[in-house]
Amino acid sequence: MSADARAYVSVRVVPRAARERLVRDCAGGLRAYLTAAPVDGAANRALIALVADRLGVAKRAVELARGERSREKLLCIHGLDPDALERRLASSGVDKAAGRS
């Protein structure tokens, strides 16, 4: 991996959740449940910390590229290419959402 590699990932944020977790839905999208309220950027900071922790990268490597005031966020992960990002998501603590039957 080169130092200038970067990957983008879309995340839907659910603030004021009972506990923090990162979930991959049936369609492959990410949903972040955060205990922080969406006030003064607290939820954005919590999202960056959660994603950095799950991917095993530094918080400074996770950048909010789009969606500062929206539930739909686009994160840029510096130092990971898209393939490496997918491998880390697959092997990290990302929960799989229960499908509906």
N, C-alpha and C. Protein backbone atom coordinates (compact mmCIF):
# COMPACT_ATOMS: atom_id res chain seq x y z
N MET A 1 0.83 -1.19 0.00
CA MET A 1 0.00 0.00 0.00
C MET A 1 0.87 1.24 0.00
N SER A 2 0.56 2.16 -0.86
CA SER A 2 1.32 3.39 -0.89
C SER A 2 0.71 4.40 0.08
N ALA A 3 1.54 5.33 0.49
CA ALA A 3 1.10 6.33 1.47
C ALA A 3 0.02 7.24 0.89
N ASP A 4 -0.01 7.41 -0.43
CA ASP A 4 -1.01 8.29 -1.03
C ASP A 4 -2.27 7.55 -1.46
N ALA A 5 -2.37 6.27 -1.13
CA ALA A 5 -3.58 5.50 -1.45
C ALA A 5 -4.74 6.04 -0.63
N ARG A 6 -5.93 5.96 -1.22
CA ARG A 6 -7.13 6.36 -0.49
C ARG A 6 -8.33 5.61 -1.02
N ALA A 7 -9.27 5.39 -0.13
CA ALA A 7 -10.50 4.70 -0.48
C ALA A 7 -11.66 5.49 0.10
N TYR A 8 -12.79 5.43 -0.57
CA TYR A 8 -13.98 6.14 -0.11
C TYR A 8 -15.04 5.13 0.29
N VAL A 9 -15.78 5.47 1.34
CA VAL A 9 -16.86 4.60 1.80
C VAL A 9 -18.04 5.47 2.23
N SER A 10 -19.24 5.06 1.83
CA SER A 10 -20.46 5.76 2.23
C SER A 10 -20.98 5.14 3.52
N VAL A 11 -21.43 5.99 4.41
CA VAL A 11 -21.94 5.54 5.71
C VAL A 11 -23.22 6.29 6.03
N ARG A 12 -24.24 5.59 6.45
CA ARG A 12 -25.46 6.22 6.95
C ARG A 12 -25.35 6.24 8.47
N VAL A 13 -25.54 7.41 9.06
CA VAL A 13 -25.35 7.60 10.50
C VAL A 13 -26.70 7.62 11.22
N VAL A 14 -26.75 6.90 12.34
CA VAL A 14 -27.91 6.90 13.22
C VAL A 14 -27.43 7.44 14.57
N PRO A 15 -27.66 8.74 14.84
CA PRO A 15 -27.20 9.31 16.11
C PRO A 15 -28.11 8.92 17.27
N ARG A 16 -27.62 9.15 18.48
CA ARG A 16 -28.36 8.89 19.72
C ARG A 16 -28.79 7.42 19.86
N ALA A 17 -27.94 6.52 19.42
CA ALA A 17 -28.22 5.09 19.55
C ALA A 17 -27.89 4.63 20.97
N ALA A 18 -28.39 3.48 21.34
CA ALA A 18 -28.12 2.94 22.68
C ALA A 18 -26.66 2.54 22.84
N ARG A 19 -26.04 2.03 21.76
CA ARG A 19 -24.62 1.68 21.81
C ARG A 19 -24.00 1.92 20.45
N GLU A 20 -22.68 2.08 20.45
CA GLU A 20 -21.99 2.35 19.20
C GLU A 20 -21.64 1.05 18.50
N ARG A 21 -21.97 1.00 17.21
CA ARG A 21 -21.61 -0.16 16.40
C ARG A 21 -21.63 0.22 14.94
N LEU A 22 -20.92 -0.54 14.17
CA LEU A 22 -20.84 -0.35 12.73
C LEU A 22 -21.42 -1.61 12.10
N VAL A 23 -22.41 -1.46 11.24
CA VAL A 23 -23.15 -2.58 10.67
C VAL A 23 -23.09 -2.51 9.16
N ARG A 24 -22.90 -3.67 8.54
CA ARG A 24 -22.97 -3.77 7.08
C ARG A 24 -24.32 -4.37 6.74
N ASP A 25 -25.13 -3.65 5.96
CA ASP A 25 -26.47 -4.15 5.63
C ASP A 25 -26.41 -5.17 4.50
N CYS A 26 -27.56 -5.71 4.16
CA CYS A 26 -27.65 -6.76 3.14
C CYS A 26 -27.13 -6.31 1.79
N ALA A 27 -27.27 -5.03 1.49
CA ALA A 27 -26.82 -4.48 0.21
C ALA A 27 -25.33 -4.14 0.22
N GLY A 28 -24.67 -4.30 1.37
CA GLY A 28 -23.24 -4.02 1.46
C GLY A 28 -22.91 -2.63 1.96
N GLY A 29 -23.92 -1.80 2.20
CA GLY A 29 -23.69 -0.46 2.71
C GLY A 29 -23.37 -0.48 4.19
N LEU A 30 -22.77 0.59 4.67
CA LEU A 30 -22.44 0.70 6.09
C LEU A 30 -23.41 1.61 6.80
N ARG A 31 -23.74 1.23 8.01
CA ARG A 31 -24.59 2.03 8.87
C ARG A 31 -23.88 2.14 10.22
N ALA A 32 -23.71 3.36 10.71
CA ALA A 32 -23.02 3.59 11.98
C ALA A 32 -24.03 4.06 13.02
N TYR A 33 -24.15 3.30 14.08
CA TYR A 33 -25.00 3.67 15.21
C TYR A 33 -24.09 4.35 16.23
N LEU A 34 -24.39 5.61 16.55
CA LEU A 34 -23.55 6.41 17.42
C LEU A 34 -24.33 6.88 18.63
N THR A 35 -23.70 6.87 19.80
CA THR A 35 -24.36 7.36 21.00
C THR A 35 -24.36 8.88 21.04
N ALA A 36 -23.49 9.52 20.30
CA ALA A 36 -23.38 10.98 20.30
C ALA A 36 -24.57 11.62 19.59
N ALA A 37 -24.92 12.80 20.05
CA ALA A 37 -25.97 13.59 19.41
C ALA A 37 -25.36 14.39 18.26
N PRO A 38 -26.15 14.71 17.25
CA PRO A 38 -25.63 15.48 16.12
C PRO A 38 -25.56 16.98 16.44
N VAL A 39 -24.79 17.32 17.46
CA VAL A 39 -24.68 18.70 17.92
C VAL A 39 -23.20 19.09 17.93
N ASP A 40 -22.89 20.22 17.32
CA ASP A 40 -21.53 20.77 17.31
C ASP A 40 -20.49 19.77 16.80
N GLY A 41 -20.87 18.92 15.86
CA GLY A 41 -19.93 17.99 15.26
C GLY A 41 -19.60 16.77 16.11
N ALA A 42 -20.30 16.58 17.22
CA ALA A 42 -20.00 15.45 18.11
C ALA A 42 -20.21 14.11 17.41
N ALA A 43 -21.28 13.98 16.64
CA ALA A 43 -21.54 12.72 15.94
C ALA A 43 -20.50 12.47 14.85
N ASN A 44 -20.04 13.52 14.18
CA ASN A 44 -19.00 13.36 13.17
C ASN A 44 -17.69 12.88 13.80
N ARG A 45 -17.33 13.44 14.94
CA ARG A 45 -16.12 13.02 15.64
C ARG A 45 -16.25 11.57 16.12
N ALA A 46 -17.43 11.22 16.61
CA ALA A 46 -17.66 9.84 17.06
C ALA A 46 -17.59 8.87 15.89
N LEU A 47 -18.12 9.27 14.73
CA LEU A 47 -18.07 8.43 13.54
C LEU A 47 -16.63 8.17 13.12
N ILE A 48 -15.82 9.21 13.08
CA ILE A 48 -14.42 9.07 12.68
C ILE A 48 -13.69 8.15 13.65
N ALA A 49 -13.93 8.31 14.94
CA ALA A 49 -13.28 7.47 15.94
C ALA A 49 -13.71 6.01 15.79
N LEU A 50 -14.99 5.76 15.57
CA LEU A 50 -15.51 4.40 15.42
C LEU A 50 -14.93 3.72 14.18
N VAL A 51 -14.96 4.41 13.06
CA VAL A 51 -14.46 3.83 11.81
C VAL A 51 -12.95 3.59 11.90
N ALA A 52 -12.22 4.52 12.46
CA ALA A 52 -10.77 4.35 12.62
C ALA A 52 -10.46 3.14 13.49
N ASP A 53 -11.21 2.99 14.57
CA ASP A 53 -11.00 1.86 15.47
C ASP A 53 -11.29 0.53 14.76
N ARG A 54 -12.40 0.44 14.04
CA ARG A 54 -12.78 -0.81 13.37
C ARG A 54 -11.82 -1.17 12.23
N LEU A 55 -11.27 -0.15 11.56
CA LEU A 55 -10.36 -0.42 10.44
C LEU A 55 -8.91 -0.54 10.88
N GLY A 56 -8.63 -0.18 12.11
CA GLY A 56 -7.26 -0.25 12.60
C GLY A 56 -6.34 0.80 12.02
N VAL A 57 -6.88 1.98 11.78
CA VAL A 57 -6.09 3.11 11.28
C VAL A 57 -6.17 4.25 12.27
N ALA A 58 -5.30 5.21 12.12
CA ALA A 58 -5.32 6.39 12.98
C ALA A 58 -6.53 7.26 12.63
N LYS A 59 -7.04 7.99 13.63
CA LYS A 59 -8.19 8.88 13.38
C LYS A 59 -7.85 9.91 12.32
N ARG A 60 -6.59 10.34 12.27
CA ARG A 60 -6.21 11.36 11.28
C ARG A 60 -6.28 10.82 9.85
N ALA A 61 -6.33 9.49 9.69
CA ALA A 61 -6.41 8.88 8.36
C ALA A 61 -7.85 8.84 7.84
N VAL A 62 -8.81 9.14 8.69
CA VAL A 62 -10.23 9.12 8.30
C VAL A 62 -10.70 10.56 8.17
N GLU A 63 -11.15 10.91 6.97
CA GLU A 63 -11.57 12.28 6.68
C GLU A 63 -13.03 12.29 6.23
N LEU A 64 -13.78 13.24 6.74
CA LEU A 64 -15.16 13.42 6.30
C LEU A 64 -15.13 14.21 4.99
N ALA A 65 -15.37 13.52 3.87
CA ALA A 65 -15.28 14.15 2.55
C ALA A 65 -16.57 14.87 2.18
N ARG A 66 -17.71 14.34 2.65
CA ARG A 66 -18.99 14.95 2.30
C ARG A 66 -20.03 14.56 3.34
N GLY A 67 -20.97 15.46 3.60
CA GLY A 67 -22.09 15.15 4.47
C GLY A 67 -21.94 15.64 5.90
N GLU A 68 -21.27 16.75 6.09
CA GLU A 68 -21.03 17.25 7.44
C GLU A 68 -22.32 17.41 8.24
N ARG A 69 -23.40 17.84 7.60
CA ARG A 69 -24.67 18.06 8.29
C ARG A 69 -25.77 17.12 7.84
N SER A 70 -25.38 16.00 7.28
CA SER A 70 -26.34 15.03 6.75
C SER A 70 -26.14 13.68 7.44
N ARG A 71 -27.16 12.83 7.38
CA ARG A 71 -27.00 11.46 7.88
C ARG A 71 -26.18 10.62 6.92
N GLU A 72 -26.20 10.98 5.65
CA GLU A 72 -25.42 10.27 4.63
C GLU A 72 -24.04 10.91 4.54
N LYS A 73 -23.01 10.14 4.90
CA LYS A 73 -21.64 10.65 4.92
C LYS A 73 -20.80 9.92 3.88
N LEU A 74 -19.80 10.60 3.39
CA LEU A 74 -18.79 9.98 2.55
C LEU A 74 -17.46 10.18 3.26
N LEU A 75 -16.82 9.06 3.61
CA LEU A 75 -15.55 9.12 4.31
C LEU A 75 -14.42 8.75 3.35
N CYS A 76 -13.32 9.45 3.48
CA CYS A 76 -12.10 9.14 2.74
C CYS A 76 -11.14 8.51 3.75
N ILE A 77 -10.65 7.32 3.43
CA ILE A 77 -9.71 6.62 4.29
C ILE A 77 -8.34 6.70 3.62
N HIS A 78 -7.45 7.50 4.18
CA HIS A 78 -6.11 7.67 3.62
C HIS A 78 -5.23 6.49 4.02
N GLY A 79 -4.39 6.05 3.08
CA GLY A 79 -3.45 4.97 3.35
C GLY A 79 -3.99 3.59 3.02
N LEU A 80 -5.26 3.50 2.60
CA LEU A 80 -5.85 2.22 2.19
C LEU A 80 -6.39 2.34 0.78
N ASP A 81 -6.12 1.34 -0.04
CA ASP A 81 -6.76 1.32 -1.35
C ASP A 81 -8.12 0.62 -1.20
N PRO A 82 -9.00 0.70 -2.19
CA PRO A 82 -10.34 0.11 -2.05
C PRO A 82 -10.33 -1.38 -1.70
N ASP A 83 -9.40 -2.15 -2.26
CA ASP A 83 -9.34 -3.59 -1.95
C ASP A 83 -8.96 -3.82 -0.49
N ALA A 84 -7.98 -3.05 -0.01
CA ALA A 84 -7.56 -3.17 1.39
C ALA A 84 -8.69 -2.77 2.33
N LEU A 85 -9.46 -1.75 1.95
CA LEU A 85 -10.60 -1.32 2.75
C LEU A 85 -11.62 -2.46 2.86
N GLU A 86 -11.94 -3.10 1.76
CA GLU A 86 -12.90 -4.21 1.77
C GLU A 86 -12.40 -5.37 2.64
N ARG A 87 -11.11 -5.67 2.54
CA ARG A 87 -10.56 -6.75 3.37
C ARG A 87 -10.65 -6.41 4.85
N ARG A 88 -10.36 -5.17 5.20
CA ARG A 88 -10.42 -4.78 6.61
C ARG A 88 -11.85 -4.78 7.13
N LEU A 89 -12.79 -4.33 6.30
CA LEU A 89 -14.18 -4.36 6.72
C LEU A 89 -14.65 -5.80 6.93
N ALA A 90 -14.22 -6.69 6.06
CA ALA A 90 -14.64 -8.09 6.16
C ALA A 90 -14.05 -8.76 7.40
N SER A 91 -12.85 -8.36 7.79
CA SER A 91 -12.19 -9.03 8.91
C SER A 91 -12.27 -8.26 10.22
N SER A 92 -12.87 -7.09 10.20
CA SER A 92 -12.92 -6.27 11.41
C SER A 92 -14.18 -6.55 12.22
N GLY A 93 -14.43 -5.73 13.19
CA GLY A 93 -15.58 -5.90 14.05
C GLY A 93 -16.86 -5.32 13.48
N VAL A 94 -17.03 -5.33 12.18
CA VAL A 94 -18.26 -4.82 11.56
C VAL A 94 -19.31 -5.91 11.61
N ASP A 95 -20.43 -5.59 12.26
CA ASP A 95 -21.52 -6.55 12.39
C ASP A 95 -22.26 -6.68 11.07
N LYS A 96 -22.88 -7.80 10.88
CA LYS A 96 -23.77 -7.98 9.73
C LYS A 96 -25.19 -7.80 10.21
N ALA A 97 -25.96 -6.99 9.50
CA ALA A 97 -27.35 -6.76 9.88
C ALA A 97 -28.15 -8.02 9.64
N ALA A 98 -29.08 -8.26 10.52
CA ALA A 98 -29.96 -9.42 10.37
C ALA A 98 -30.90 -9.17 9.22
N GLY A 99 -30.97 -10.09 8.28
CA GLY A 99 -31.85 -9.95 7.13
C GLY A 99 -33.29 -10.28 7.50
N ARG A 100 -34.20 -9.73 6.78
CA ARG A 100 -35.62 -10.03 7.02
C ARG A 100 -36.04 -11.18 6.15
N SER A 101 -36.79 -12.07 6.70
CA SER A 101 -37.25 -13.23 5.92
C SER A 101 -38.64 -13.01 5.41
